[in-house]
Structures are given as C-alpha cells and as structure tokens.
Amino acid sequence: MALLALSAGLPAGCRVSARSADVTVSGQGSSGAAQRAGTVGTAGSACALPVTFGIATGWAAKPVDGLAAVASHGVDGDTMDGLLRQGPVTLVCELDARPAGAVGFLRVSTGKPGSGDVRAVLRADVAAEDGTGRAAYRSFTSGGLSGVRVDYVRTSELLGGSAKESALAVVTRHGPVVLHLGGLDSAEHDEMLPAFELAQDTLRSR
C-alpha cells in the first residue's frame, strides 16, 4: 500500500464535524460517460467485498492490508488503525485513477454488522473528516440496495484550499460499505465523478 494514499485524504489525527446545514434530496445516480472495464468485489477480483460494482476503464484496484503496511513501513498498529479507520468503517480497498489520467482515489471502507443505519453511517464518515461543509445528502437505489449519497466540500491546509468530494453508503448483511471519491482539487473530482457514478449505478450486494 502506497503511503501517498495515506497522506491524500485519509483521517490524520484531529477531526472536526461538518457544521453547515445538510440538504436531503432523492434521486438516481448517472454513470455519465464512464466505460465499464470490469467488476470489483467478487471473490476473483482485486478486492473481495460485501458488494460488487463496476470499475471504469483505466482505473486500478488493489486491497489495503493494514497489517502488511505495519510490517513494511514500521508504523505501529494503533497509528495504522487510526489512519485506515474513519467513523464506523475501515479502509479495505483503493481504486487508483492515475492509470486513467486523473489524480485521486475511489476508496472502499467496510464496517461490522450492526454499525447503524445507512444515513447514520454516512454522516459519521463525513463528520470524521477535517474541514467538511456544504454537505448535500440524497437517497438512491441500485440493484435492490437502498443507499445514501453525499456531495460536499472539504477544506484542507495540506492541499492548500477547498475541493469537492463525494461518498455513498449502503448497509448489507455483512455490515456497512462506504465508497468515497477524493482528488487533489475540484477539477480532478469532476473528471473522476463519472467513475464514481458508474460504481453507484452498478452497486450490487453479494
């Protein structure tokens, strides 16, 4: 697991909740122009997950193994757990947009069964990030799954400004799953958004 991935958008220490008013709307996602190149989440894919979804052309998926990162980078277990955990979920898979020409990641996190309802899971995930605001929540359905999506803005001193981010959550019998899209800036986010919406539209429970 690349340490670059850990420094670009994972929780790191002090966290504050979003304070802006949230907006709730209902609607379906749109896969836009993203072309599907395969499926992530099945037993034979790069990451075995409680859900499956389509991966856009050029994106590269890889599992995130906290124990392996501890061994290879000399980071203690508690620190690594803090980096990988956000709210009630823990990072388990990354989809890298760089092979497709963008700078950012679609990250997949999972939690234990009984972690809460889908809206509470997503709100806790957003609240665990620093500098979030202008969060707009909406419900969606995909392949029999009912979920909640949020689009918001995150202000980061590390990145030197504000950028759009998006996330969605569903709850399966194996526990909650959160997909989070983050990039260097809002332009990168907009470029990667069709891949995120492809994942949303093709989301299925295993």
C-alpha atoms as a PDB file:
ATOM      1  CA  MET A   1       0.000   0.000   0.000  1.00  0.00           C
ATOM      2  CA  ALA A   2       1.484   3.327  -1.011  1.00  0.00           C
ATOM      3  CA  LEU A   3       1.973   5.865   1.753  1.00  0.00           C
ATOM      4  CA  LEU A   4       0.928   8.506  -0.763  1.00  0.00           C
ATOM      5  CA  ALA A   5      -2.552   7.061  -0.483  1.00  0.00           C
ATOM      6  CA  LEU A   6      -2.489   7.507   3.266  1.00  0.00           C
ATOM      7  CA  SER A   7      -1.465  11.155   3.050  1.00  0.00           C
ATOM      8  CA  ALA A   8      -4.030  12.175   0.417  1.00  0.00           C
ATOM      9  CA  GLY A   9      -7.350  12.253   2.175  1.00  0.00           C
ATOM     10  CA  LEU A  10      -7.278   9.721   4.992  1.00  0.00           C
ATOM     11  CA  PRO A  11      -8.101  10.880   8.509  1.00  0.00           C
ATOM     12  CA  ALA A  12      -4.988  12.034  10.321  1.00  0.00           C
ATOM     13  CA  GLY A  13      -5.367  12.961  13.945  1.00  0.00           C
ATOM     14  CA  CYS A  14      -7.592  15.886  14.900  1.00  0.00           C
ATOM     15  CA  ARG A  15     -11.078  15.673  13.408  1.00  0.00           C
ATOM     16  CA  VAL A  16     -13.995  18.076  13.406  1.00  0.00           C
ATOM     17  CA  SER A  17     -17.574  17.620  12.286  1.00  0.00           C
ATOM     18  CA  ALA A  18     -19.260  19.470   9.448  1.00  0.00           C
ATOM     19  CA  ARG A  19     -21.200  22.467  10.753  1.00  0.00           C
ATOM     20  CA  SER A  20     -23.074  23.557   7.636  1.00  0.00           C
ATOM     21  CA  ALA A  21     -26.723  22.771   7.005  1.00  0.00           C
ATOM     22  CA  ASP A  22     -27.348  19.457   5.274  1.00  0.00           C
ATOM     23  CA  VAL A  23     -29.746  19.114   2.361  1.00  0.00           C
ATOM     24  CA  THR A  24     -31.611  15.890   1.640  1.00  0.00           C
ATOM     25  CA  VAL A  25     -32.998  15.072  -1.806  1.00  0.00           C
ATOM     26  CA  SER A  26     -33.933  11.857  -3.593  1.00  0.00           C
ATOM     27  CA  GLY A  27     -32.685  10.675  -6.946  1.00  0.00           C
ATOM     28  CA  GLN A  28     -30.822   8.152  -9.063  1.00  0.00           C
ATOM     29  CA  GLY A  29     -27.170   8.372  -9.999  1.00  0.00           C
ATOM     30  CA  SER A  30     -25.935   8.641 -13.568  1.00  0.00           C
ATOM     31  CA  SER A  31     -22.943   6.748 -14.896  1.00  0.00           C
ATOM     32  CA  GLY A  32     -22.216   9.521 -17.415  1.00  0.00           C
ATOM     33  CA  ALA A  33     -19.532   8.731 -19.957  1.00  0.00           C
ATOM     34  CA  ALA A  34     -17.520   6.249 -17.893  1.00  0.00           C
ATOM     35  CA  GLN A  35     -16.956   2.931 -19.647  1.00  0.00           C
ATOM     36  CA  ARG A  36     -17.039  -0.220 -17.550  1.00  0.00           C
ATOM     37  CA  ALA A  37     -13.889  -2.314 -17.715  1.00  0.00           C
ATOM     38  CA  GLY A  38     -14.707  -4.966 -15.112  1.00  0.00           C
ATOM     39  CA  THR A  39     -16.132  -5.669 -11.671  1.00  0.00           C
ATOM     40  CA  VAL A  40     -14.715  -5.133  -8.194  1.00  0.00           C
ATOM     41  CA  GLY A  41     -15.881  -7.029  -5.125  1.00  0.00           C
ATOM     42  CA  THR A  42     -16.223 -10.606  -6.369  1.00  0.00           C
ATOM     43  CA  ALA A  43     -14.070 -13.370  -4.931  1.00  0.00           C
ATOM     44  CA  GLY A  44     -11.841 -13.368  -8.008  1.00  0.00           C
ATOM     45  CA  SER A  45     -11.387  -9.598  -8.248  1.00  0.00           C
ATOM     46  CA  ALA A  46      -8.661  -7.439  -6.713  1.00  0.00           C
ATOM     47  CA  CYS A  47     -10.800  -6.791  -3.621  1.00  0.00           C
ATOM     48  CA  ALA A  48     -13.349  -9.223  -2.177  1.00  0.00           C
ATOM     49  CA  LEU A  49     -16.128  -7.079  -0.679  1.00  0.00           C
ATOM     50  CA  PRO A  50     -19.690  -7.368   0.670  1.00  0.00           C
ATOM     51  CA  VAL A  51     -20.782  -5.626  -2.556  1.00  0.00           C
ATOM     52  CA  THR A  52     -19.791  -5.629  -6.215  1.00  0.00           C
ATOM     53  CA  PHE A  53     -19.665  -2.689  -8.615  1.00  0.00           C
ATOM     54  CA  GLY A  54     -18.274  -1.721 -11.990  1.00  0.00           C
ATOM     55  CA  ILE A  55     -14.770  -0.304 -12.366  1.00  0.00           C
ATOM     56  CA  ALA A  56     -14.146   2.325 -15.038  1.00  0.00           C
ATOM     57  CA  THR A  57     -11.633   1.837 -17.823  1.00  0.00           C
ATOM     58  CA  GLY A  58      -8.074   2.573 -16.747  1.00  0.00           C
ATOM     59  CA  TRP A  59      -8.704   2.523 -13.007  1.00  0.00           C
ATOM     60  CA  ALA A  60      -6.614   0.078 -10.944  1.00  0.00           C
ATOM     61  CA  ALA A  61      -7.973  -1.654  -7.832  1.00  0.00           C
ATOM     62  CA  LYS A  62      -5.865  -3.031  -5.006  1.00  0.00           C
ATOM     63  CA  PRO A  63      -6.639  -4.271  -1.483  1.00  0.00           C
ATOM     64  CA  VAL A  64      -5.481  -2.304   1.539  1.00  0.00           C
ATOM     65  CA  ASP A  65      -3.846  -4.528   4.126  1.00  0.00           C
ATOM     66  CA  GLY A  66      -3.204  -2.696   7.394  1.00  0.00           C
ATOM     67  CA  LEU A  67      -1.088  -5.497   8.848  1.00  0.00           C
ATOM     68  CA  ALA A  68       1.133  -5.579   5.767  1.00  0.00           C
ATOM     69  CA  ALA A  69       1.547  -1.809   5.959  1.00  0.00           C
ATOM     70  CA  VAL A  70       2.587  -2.070   9.597  1.00  0.00           C
ATOM     71  CA  ALA A  71       5.215  -4.662   8.702  1.00  0.00           C
ATOM     72  CA  SER A  72       6.589  -2.895   5.614  1.00  0.00           C
ATOM     73  CA  HIS A  73       6.580   0.715   6.811  1.00  0.00           C
ATOM     74  CA  GLY A  74       7.300   0.290  10.500  1.00  0.00           C
ATOM     75  CA  VAL A  75       4.128   2.066  11.616  1.00  0.00           C
ATOM     76  CA  ASP A  76       2.660   0.813  14.893  1.00  0.00           C
ATOM     77  CA  GLY A  77      -0.723  -0.901  14.800  1.00  0.00           C
ATOM     78  CA  ASP A  78      -2.663   1.807  16.664  1.00  0.00           C
ATOM     79  CA  THR A  79      -1.402   4.532  14.334  1.00  0.00           C
ATOM     80  CA  MET A  80      -2.223   2.479  11.257  1.00  0.00           C
ATOM     81  CA  ASP A  81      -5.703   1.725  12.586  1.00  0.00           C
ATOM     82  CA  GLY A  82      -6.258   5.454  13.081  1.00  0.00           C
ATOM     83  CA  LEU A  83      -5.190   6.156   9.507  1.00  0.00           C
ATOM     84  CA  LEU A  84      -7.388   3.470   7.987  1.00  0.00           C
ATOM     85  CA  ARG A  85     -10.476   3.957  10.165  1.00  0.00           C
ATOM     86  CA  GLN A  86     -12.956   6.750   9.552  1.00  0.00           C
ATOM     87  CA  GLY A  87     -16.067   6.811  11.706  1.00  0.00           C
ATOM     88  CA  PRO A  88     -17.607   3.322  11.845  1.00  0.00           C
ATOM     89  CA  VAL A  89     -15.745   1.951   8.796  1.00  0.00           C
ATOM     90  CA  THR A  90     -12.197   0.906   7.889  1.00  0.00           C
ATOM     91  CA  LEU A  91     -10.449   1.267   4.526  1.00  0.00           C
ATOM     92  CA  VAL A  92     -10.096  -2.094   2.749  1.00  0.00           C
ATOM     93  CA  CYS A  93      -9.725  -1.292  -0.975  1.00  0.00           C
ATOM     94  CA  GLU A  94      -8.464   1.519  -3.202  1.00  0.00           C
ATOM     95  CA  LEU A  95      -9.208   2.242  -6.840  1.00  0.00           C
ATOM     96  CA  ASP A  96      -6.453   4.447  -8.270  1.00  0.00           C
ATOM     97  CA  ALA A  97      -7.384   6.900 -11.041  1.00  0.00           C
ATOM     98  CA  ARG A  98      -3.812   7.689 -12.056  1.00  0.00           C
ATOM     99  CA  PRO A  99      -3.604   4.992 -14.761  1.00  0.00           C
ATOM    100  CA  ALA A 100      -6.699   6.646 -16.287  1.00  0.00           C
ATOM    101  CA  GLY A 101      -5.016  10.068 -16.278  1.00  0.00           C
ATOM    102  CA  ALA A 102      -6.522  11.633 -13.144  1.00  0.00           C
ATOM    103  CA  VAL A 103      -5.134  12.183  -9.637  1.00  0.00           C
ATOM    104  CA  GLY A 104      -7.327  10.677  -6.953  1.00  0.00           C
ATOM    105  CA  PHE A 105      -8.800   7.553  -5.447  1.00  0.00           C
ATOM    106  CA  LEU A 106     -12.117   5.807  -5.055  1.00  0.00           C
ATOM    107  CA  ARG A 107     -11.784   4.232  -1.617  1.00  0.00           C
ATOM    108  CA  VAL A 108     -13.927   1.439  -0.219  1.00  0.00           C
ATOM    109  CA  SER A 109     -14.387   1.025   3.535  1.00  0.00           C
ATOM    110  CA  THR A 110     -16.375  -1.577   5.438  1.00  0.00           C
ATOM    111  CA  GLY A 111     -17.712  -1.962   8.968  1.00  0.00           C
ATOM    112  CA  LYS A 112     -19.111  -4.590  11.265  1.00  0.00           C
ATOM    113  CA  PRO A 113     -22.774  -5.644  11.196  1.00  0.00           C
ATOM    114  CA  GLY A 114     -24.892  -3.514  13.500  1.00  0.00           C
ATOM    115  CA  SER A 115     -22.836  -0.352  12.925  1.00  0.00           C
ATOM    116  CA  GLY A 116     -26.025   1.697  12.423  1.00  0.00           C
ATOM    117  CA  ASP A 117     -28.456   2.694   9.720  1.00  0.00           C
ATOM    118  CA  VAL A 118     -27.128   3.824   6.366  1.00  0.00           C
ATOM    119  CA  ARG A 119     -27.648   7.555   6.879  1.00  0.00           C
ATOM    120  CA  ALA A 120     -26.018   7.476  10.311  1.00  0.00           C
ATOM    121  CA  VAL A 121     -23.031   5.576   8.885  1.00  0.00           C
ATOM    122  CA  LEU A 122     -22.501   8.129   6.122  1.00  0.00           C
ATOM    123  CA  ARG A 123     -22.916  11.115   8.436  1.00  0.00           C
ATOM    124  CA  ALA A 124     -20.367   9.623  10.847  1.00  0.00           C
ATOM    125  CA  ASP A 125     -17.949   9.052   7.966  1.00  0.00           C
ATOM    126  CA  VAL A 126     -18.192  12.683   6.828  1.00  0.00           C
ATOM    127  CA  ALA A 127     -18.019  14.002  10.402  1.00  0.00           C
ATOM    128  CA  ALA A 128     -14.717  12.170  10.915  1.00  0.00           C
ATOM    129  CA  GLU A 129     -13.016  14.336   8.265  1.00  0.00           C
ATOM    130  CA  ASP A 130     -11.479  17.725   8.945  1.00  0.00           C
ATOM    131  CA  GLY A 131     -12.901  20.837   7.313  1.00  0.00           C
ATOM    132  CA  THR A 132     -16.053  19.457   5.692  1.00  0.00           C
ATOM    133  CA  GLY A 133     -19.010  21.616   4.769  1.00  0.00           C
ATOM    134  CA  ARG A 134     -21.881  22.257   2.352  1.00  0.00           C
ATOM    135  CA  ALA A 135     -22.970  18.616   2.559  1.00  0.00           C
ATOM    136  CA  ALA A 136     -25.936  17.639   0.368  1.00  0.00           C
ATOM    137  CA  TYR A 137     -27.407  14.185   1.058  1.00  0.00           C
ATOM    138  CA  ARG A 138     -29.686  12.208  -1.253  1.00  0.00           C
ATOM    139  CA  SER A 139     -31.080   8.699  -1.279  1.00  0.00           C
ATOM    140  CA  PHE A 140     -30.656   6.264  -4.162  1.00  0.00           C
ATOM    141  CA  THR A 141     -31.412   2.672  -5.118  1.00  0.00           C
ATOM    142  CA  SER A 142     -29.225   0.339  -7.141  1.00  0.00           C
ATOM    143  CA  GLY A 143     -29.692  -3.358  -7.785  1.00  0.00           C
ATOM    144  CA  GLY A 144     -32.047  -3.803  -4.837  1.00  0.00           C
ATOM    145  CA  LEU A 145     -29.793  -1.849  -2.466  1.00  0.00           C
ATOM    146  CA  SER A 146     -31.044   1.328  -0.805  1.00  0.00           C
ATOM    147  CA  GLY A 147     -28.295   3.811  -0.061  1.00  0.00           C
ATOM    148  CA  VAL A 148     -27.456   7.417   0.717  1.00  0.00           C
ATOM    149  CA  ARG A 149     -25.010   9.636  -1.178  1.00  0.00           C
ATOM    150  CA  VAL A 150     -23.416  12.886  -0.075  1.00  0.00           C
ATOM    151  CA  ASP A 151     -21.619  15.551  -2.103  1.00  0.00           C
ATOM    152  CA  TYR A 152     -19.668  18.089  -0.059  1.00  0.00           C
ATOM    153  CA  VAL A 153     -16.672  20.397   0.046  1.00  0.00           C
ATOM    154  CA  ARG A 154     -13.567  19.769   2.100  1.00  0.00           C
ATOM    155  CA  THR A 155     -11.065  22.464   3.034  1.00  0.00           C
ATOM    156  CA  SER A 156      -7.551  21.175   3.602  1.00  0.00           C
ATOM    157  CA  GLU A 157      -4.411  23.046   4.625  1.00  0.00           C
ATOM    158  CA  LEU A 158      -2.387  20.148   3.178  1.00  0.00           C
ATOM    159  CA  LEU A 159      -3.931  20.679  -0.267  1.00  0.00           C
ATOM    160  CA  GLY A 160      -3.986  24.439   0.126  1.00  0.00           C
ATOM    161  CA  GLY A 161      -7.681  25.066  -0.491  1.00  0.00           C
ATOM    162  CA  SER A 162     -11.118  23.530  -0.898  1.00  0.00           C
ATOM    163  CA  ALA A 163     -12.181  20.666  -3.127  1.00  0.00           C
ATOM    164  CA  LYS A 164     -15.343  18.744  -3.913  1.00  0.00           C
ATOM    165  CA  GLU A 165     -15.691  15.218  -2.540  1.00  0.00           C
ATOM    166  CA  SER A 166     -18.407  12.585  -2.806  1.00  0.00           C
ATOM    167  CA  ALA A 167     -19.289   9.480  -0.818  1.00  0.00           C
ATOM    168  CA  LEU A 168     -22.059   6.929  -0.615  1.00  0.00           C
ATOM    169  CA  ALA A 169     -23.064   4.250   1.860  1.00  0.00           C
ATOM    170  CA  VAL A 170     -25.144   1.096   1.862  1.00  0.00           C
ATOM    171  CA  VAL A 171     -25.776  -1.449   4.589  1.00  0.00           C
ATOM    172  CA  THR A 172     -25.513  -5.156   3.774  1.00  0.00           C
ATOM    173  CA  ARG A 173     -25.989  -8.262   5.899  1.00  0.00           C
ATOM    174  CA  HIS A 174     -22.195  -8.260   6.310  1.00  0.00           C
ATOM    175  CA  GLY A 175     -22.154  -4.660   7.542  1.00  0.00           C
ATOM    176  CA  PRO A 176     -21.960  -1.139   6.095  1.00  0.00           C
ATOM    177  CA  VAL A 177     -19.959  -0.244   2.987  1.00  0.00           C
ATOM    178  CA  VAL A 178     -18.798   3.283   2.146  1.00  0.00           C
ATOM    179  CA  LEU A 179     -17.391   4.401  -1.224  1.00  0.00           C
ATOM    180  CA  HIS A 180     -15.502   7.706  -1.113  1.00  0.00           C
ATOM    181  CA  LEU A 181     -14.175   9.740  -4.033  1.00  0.00           C
ATOM    182  CA  GLY A 182     -11.399  12.226  -3.340  1.00  0.00           C
ATOM    183  CA  GLY A 183      -8.911  14.082  -5.526  1.00  0.00           C
ATOM    184  CA  LEU A 184      -6.399  16.902  -5.433  1.00  0.00           C
ATOM    185  CA  ASP A 185      -8.941  19.573  -6.388  1.00  0.00           C
ATOM    186  CA  SER A 186     -12.456  20.085  -7.691  1.00  0.00           C
ATOM    187  CA  ALA A 187     -11.360  19.773 -11.330  1.00  0.00           C
ATOM    188  CA  GLU A 188      -9.923  16.322 -10.642  1.00  0.00           C
ATOM    189  CA  HIS A 189     -13.090  15.424  -8.753  1.00  0.00           C
ATOM    190  CA  ASP A 190     -15.293  16.392 -11.689  1.00  0.00           C
ATOM    191  CA  GLU A 191     -13.095  14.376 -14.054  1.00  0.00           C
ATOM    192  CA  MET A 192     -13.380  11.282 -11.853  1.00  0.00           C
ATOM    193  CA  LEU A 193     -17.069  11.671 -10.978  1.00  0.00           C
ATOM    194  CA  PRO A 194     -18.377   9.503 -13.875  1.00  0.00           C
ATOM    195  CA  ALA A 195     -16.357   6.573 -12.497  1.00  0.00           C
ATOM    196  CA  PHE A 196     -17.908   7.118  -9.046  1.00  0.00           C
ATOM    197  CA  GLU A 197     -21.396   7.266 -10.551  1.00  0.00           C
ATOM    198  CA  LEU A 198     -20.687   4.113 -12.563  1.00  0.00           C
ATOM    199  CA  ALA A 199     -19.874   2.393  -9.263  1.00  0.00           C
ATOM    200  CA  GLN A 200     -23.074   3.752  -7.718  1.00  0.00           C
ATOM    201  CA  ASP A 201     -25.287   2.662 -10.616  1.00  0.00           C
ATOM    202  CA  THR A 202     -23.806  -0.857 -10.748  1.00  0.00           C
ATOM    203  CA  LEU A 203     -23.682  -1.465  -6.995  1.00  0.00           C
ATOM    204  CA  ARG A 204     -24.976  -4.911  -6.034  1.00  0.00           C
ATOM    205  CA  SER A 205     -24.990  -6.946  -2.813  1.00  0.00           C
ATOM    206  CA  ARG A 206     -23.097 -10.233  -2.814  1.00  0.00           C
END
